[in-house]
Amino acid sequence: MSFPEIAAAVTIGALSLGIGAPSVGSALRSWRLNGAVRDMALEMHRTRMEAVARGTYVGIVFDRSAPTDRWRLYADGGDRGIQTAEVAAGIDRPLGDPLSLASRHEGVRIGIAGAGPIPRIPPAIGTLSPSDDPIAFGSTDIFSASPTGETSTGTLYLTDGRDMRAVVVYGATGRIRTWRFDARDGQWRQ
């Protein structure tokens, strides 16, 4: 090969890397976010199975006050389900150690992306903003499952700062669905 041919090959290779690098980074971010939403859906399914197997309420208590978003499973030690006051008093007992979202899925956090108004997941109406609560299971940050398999109804939003995913749980049936927000057309997709 002559020097001009080598220079042309190196130039073409460098251009290919320059063009492909942003798409590789985007694919990696998407892969992490997809993994995180599947992981959280599995945690909720596992919580439901634990509640049925133990014959008592089991719940996921989310903690956003730590340096990274965490969650931990708890079993009901009282008689009214998993409650914030009973967790704090030690009545509802932990099942295992706290788990960290960032240690499992780098760059992913519980939250709502700040990319303008984002529609709520259908059939809900209205929009979401970054100041809205990304853990929407009633008035607490607890996802709960009963001994009969019923669960809290609600949504958990995850973001990497740009894109969004969500886990939606339908209470009476315990169905769990994951959603992806498509910023190109402003729609949520399953």
Protein backbone atom coordinates (compact mmCIF):
# COMPACT_ATOMS: atom_id res chain seq x y z
CA MET A 1 0.00 0.00 0.00
CA SER A 2 1.19 3.47 -0.73
CA PHE A 3 1.19 6.31 1.78
CA PRO A 4 -1.85 8.05 0.20
CA GLU A 5 -3.84 4.80 0.38
CA ILE A 6 -2.94 4.29 4.05
CA ALA A 7 -3.82 7.92 4.83
CA ALA A 8 -7.17 7.52 3.07
CA ALA A 9 -7.93 4.30 4.99
CA VAL A 10 -7.02 5.91 8.33
CA THR A 11 -9.14 8.97 7.51
CA ILE A 12 -12.16 6.83 6.59
CA GLY A 13 -11.72 4.77 9.76
CA ALA A 14 -11.49 7.87 11.95
CA LEU A 15 -14.61 9.36 10.35
CA SER A 16 -16.48 6.10 10.92
CA LEU A 17 -15.52 6.12 14.59
CA GLY A 18 -16.49 9.78 14.93
CA ILE A 19 -19.89 9.14 13.41
CA GLY A 20 -20.50 5.90 15.32
CA ALA A 21 -19.30 7.03 18.77
CA PRO A 22 -22.40 9.11 19.66
CA SER A 23 -24.71 6.28 18.64
CA VAL A 24 -22.74 3.81 20.75
CA GLY A 25 -23.04 6.13 23.77
CA SER A 26 -26.76 6.53 23.17
CA ALA A 27 -27.23 2.78 22.82
CA LEU A 28 -25.33 2.18 26.08
CA ARG A 29 -27.48 4.72 27.96
CA SER A 30 -30.64 3.13 26.56
CA TRP A 31 -29.39 -0.34 27.49
CA ARG A 32 -28.75 0.77 31.09
CA LEU A 33 -32.16 2.44 31.38
CA ASN A 34 -33.94 -0.58 29.89
CA GLY A 35 -32.08 -2.85 32.31
CA ALA A 36 -33.07 -0.67 35.26
CA VAL A 37 -36.77 -0.65 34.37
CA ARG A 38 -36.77 -4.45 33.90
CA ASP A 39 -34.90 -4.85 37.19
CA MET A 40 -37.48 -2.76 39.06
CA ALA A 41 -40.37 -4.64 37.43
CA LEU A 42 -38.77 -7.91 38.58
CA GLU A 43 -38.33 -6.53 42.11
CA MET A 44 -42.03 -5.70 42.22
CA HIS A 45 -42.94 -9.13 40.91
CA ARG A 46 -40.62 -10.73 43.51
CA THR A 47 -42.29 -8.64 46.23
CA ARG A 48 -45.69 -9.94 45.16
CA MET A 49 -44.43 -13.55 45.18
CA GLU A 50 -42.88 -13.06 48.66
CA ALA A 51 -46.19 -11.73 50.02
CA VAL A 52 -48.13 -14.72 48.70
CA ALA A 53 -45.49 -17.22 49.88
CA ARG A 54 -45.22 -15.68 53.38
CA GLY A 55 -48.95 -15.07 53.79
CA THR A 56 -48.36 -11.48 54.86
CA TYR A 57 -47.90 -8.05 53.32
CA VAL A 58 -44.48 -7.42 51.78
CA GLY A 59 -43.40 -4.09 50.35
CA ILE A 60 -40.63 -2.13 48.72
CA VAL A 61 -39.72 1.02 50.61
CA PHE A 62 -37.93 3.51 48.35
CA ASP A 63 -35.35 5.85 49.90
CA ARG A 64 -34.36 8.91 47.87
CA SER A 65 -32.64 10.70 50.78
CA ALA A 66 -29.40 8.76 50.47
CA PRO A 67 -26.65 9.86 48.05
CA THR A 68 -28.14 7.39 45.55
CA ASP A 69 -31.65 6.07 45.15
CA ARG A 70 -32.17 2.89 47.17
CA TRP A 71 -34.90 0.44 48.03
CA ARG A 72 -35.41 -2.35 50.52
CA LEU A 73 -37.99 -5.09 51.01
CA TYR A 74 -39.97 -5.19 54.25
CA ALA A 75 -42.39 -7.75 55.71
CA ASP A 76 -45.41 -6.63 57.70
CA GLY A 77 -44.90 -7.02 61.43
CA GLY A 78 -48.16 -5.34 62.39
CA ASP A 79 -51.63 -5.96 61.07
CA ARG A 80 -52.20 -3.15 58.56
CA GLY A 81 -49.63 -3.64 55.80
CA ILE A 82 -46.32 -1.89 55.24
CA GLN A 83 -46.40 1.62 56.69
CA THR A 84 -43.78 4.33 57.03
CA ALA A 85 -44.33 4.71 60.79
CA GLU A 86 -44.07 0.94 61.35
CA VAL A 87 -40.87 0.75 59.27
CA ALA A 88 -39.37 3.60 61.34
CA ALA A 89 -40.46 1.91 64.61
CA GLY A 90 -39.01 -1.46 63.55
CA ILE A 91 -42.41 -3.17 63.53
CA ASP A 92 -42.22 -3.89 59.80
CA ARG A 93 -38.95 -5.80 59.48
CA PRO A 94 -36.44 -5.62 56.61
CA LEU A 95 -35.90 -8.57 54.31
CA GLY A 96 -32.27 -8.23 53.26
CA ASP A 97 -30.00 -5.27 52.73
CA PRO A 98 -30.86 -2.04 50.94
CA LEU A 99 -30.22 -2.11 47.19
CA SER A 100 -28.80 0.83 45.26
CA LEU A 101 -30.04 1.78 41.80
CA ALA A 102 -26.77 3.49 40.84
CA SER A 103 -24.66 0.47 41.80
CA ARG A 104 -26.79 -1.75 39.57
CA HIS A 105 -27.40 0.70 36.71
CA GLU A 106 -24.85 3.49 36.39
CA GLY A 107 -26.31 6.86 35.46
CA VAL A 108 -29.93 5.85 36.13
CA ARG A 109 -31.99 7.44 38.89
CA ILE A 110 -35.56 7.55 40.07
CA GLY A 111 -36.94 10.72 38.56
CA ILE A 112 -38.62 12.55 35.73
CA ALA A 113 -36.49 13.93 32.90
CA GLY A 114 -36.45 17.68 32.45
CA ALA A 115 -37.09 17.68 28.69
CA GLY A 116 -40.22 19.82 28.70
CA PRO A 117 -43.76 18.68 29.40
CA ILE A 118 -44.08 14.91 29.29
CA PRO A 119 -47.55 13.39 28.99
CA ARG A 120 -48.73 11.02 31.70
CA ILE A 121 -48.96 7.35 30.78
CA PRO A 122 -52.36 6.54 29.24
CA PRO A 123 -55.13 6.42 30.28
CA ALA A 124 -54.05 9.18 32.70
CA ILE A 125 -54.26 12.73 31.41
CA GLY A 126 -52.11 15.78 32.00
CA THR A 127 -48.36 16.22 31.98
CA LEU A 128 -45.37 15.44 34.20
CA SER A 129 -42.68 17.88 35.25
CA PRO A 130 -39.32 17.22 36.95
CA SER A 131 -40.80 18.49 40.24
CA ASP A 132 -43.52 15.78 40.28
CA ASP A 133 -43.08 12.75 42.54
CA PRO A 134 -41.50 9.96 40.45
CA ILE A 135 -42.75 7.34 42.92
CA ALA A 136 -46.52 7.45 42.56
CA PHE A 137 -47.96 4.70 44.81
CA GLY A 138 -50.49 6.75 46.69
CA SER A 139 -49.11 9.24 49.19
CA THR A 140 -46.05 7.19 50.21
CA ASP A 141 -42.88 5.86 48.60
CA ILE A 142 -43.96 2.28 49.27
CA PHE A 143 -44.98 -0.41 46.80
CA SER A 144 -46.96 -3.04 48.70
CA ALA A 145 -48.29 -6.53 47.93
CA SER A 146 -50.91 -8.43 49.92
CA PRO A 147 -50.98 -12.14 50.82
CA THR A 148 -53.69 -12.58 48.15
CA GLY A 149 -51.48 -11.11 45.39
CA GLU A 150 -53.12 -7.69 45.14
CA THR A 151 -50.68 -4.80 44.93
CA SER A 152 -50.46 -1.06 45.20
CA THR A 153 -51.55 0.73 42.06
CA GLY A 154 -49.06 3.22 40.78
CA THR A 155 -46.06 4.19 38.70
CA LEU A 156 -42.31 4.38 39.22
CA TYR A 157 -40.44 6.69 36.82
CA LEU A 158 -36.77 6.19 35.96
CA THR A 159 -34.48 8.48 33.96
CA ASP A 160 -30.90 8.87 32.87
CA GLY A 161 -31.39 12.63 32.63
CA ARG A 162 -32.45 12.47 28.98
CA ASP A 163 -34.71 9.49 28.39
CA MET A 164 -37.44 8.01 30.58
CA ARG A 165 -38.87 4.61 31.39
CA ALA A 166 -41.65 3.68 33.80
CA VAL A 167 -42.99 0.67 35.66
CA VAL A 168 -46.78 0.72 35.97
CA VAL A 169 -48.54 -1.61 38.40
CA TYR A 170 -52.26 -2.33 38.23
CA GLY A 171 -53.30 -3.07 41.82
CA ALA A 172 -56.17 -5.56 41.91
CA THR A 173 -54.63 -7.81 39.26
CA GLY A 174 -51.01 -7.16 40.19
CA ARG A 175 -50.13 -6.76 36.51
CA ILE A 176 -46.81 -5.03 35.93
CA ARG A 177 -46.00 -3.24 32.68
CA THR A 178 -42.93 -1.33 31.56
CA TRP A 179 -43.20 1.77 29.39
CA ARG A 180 -40.70 3.76 27.30
CA PHE A 181 -41.09 7.45 26.53
CA ASP A 182 -40.34 8.27 22.89
CA ALA A 183 -39.21 11.91 22.88
CA ARG A 184 -39.35 12.07 19.07
CA ASP A 185 -43.14 11.97 19.03
CA GLY A 186 -43.86 12.65 22.71
CA GLN A 187 -45.62 9.31 23.31
CA TRP A 188 -45.31 6.48 25.83
CA ARG A 189 -44.92 3.00 24.36
CA GLN A 190 -44.98 -0.47 25.90
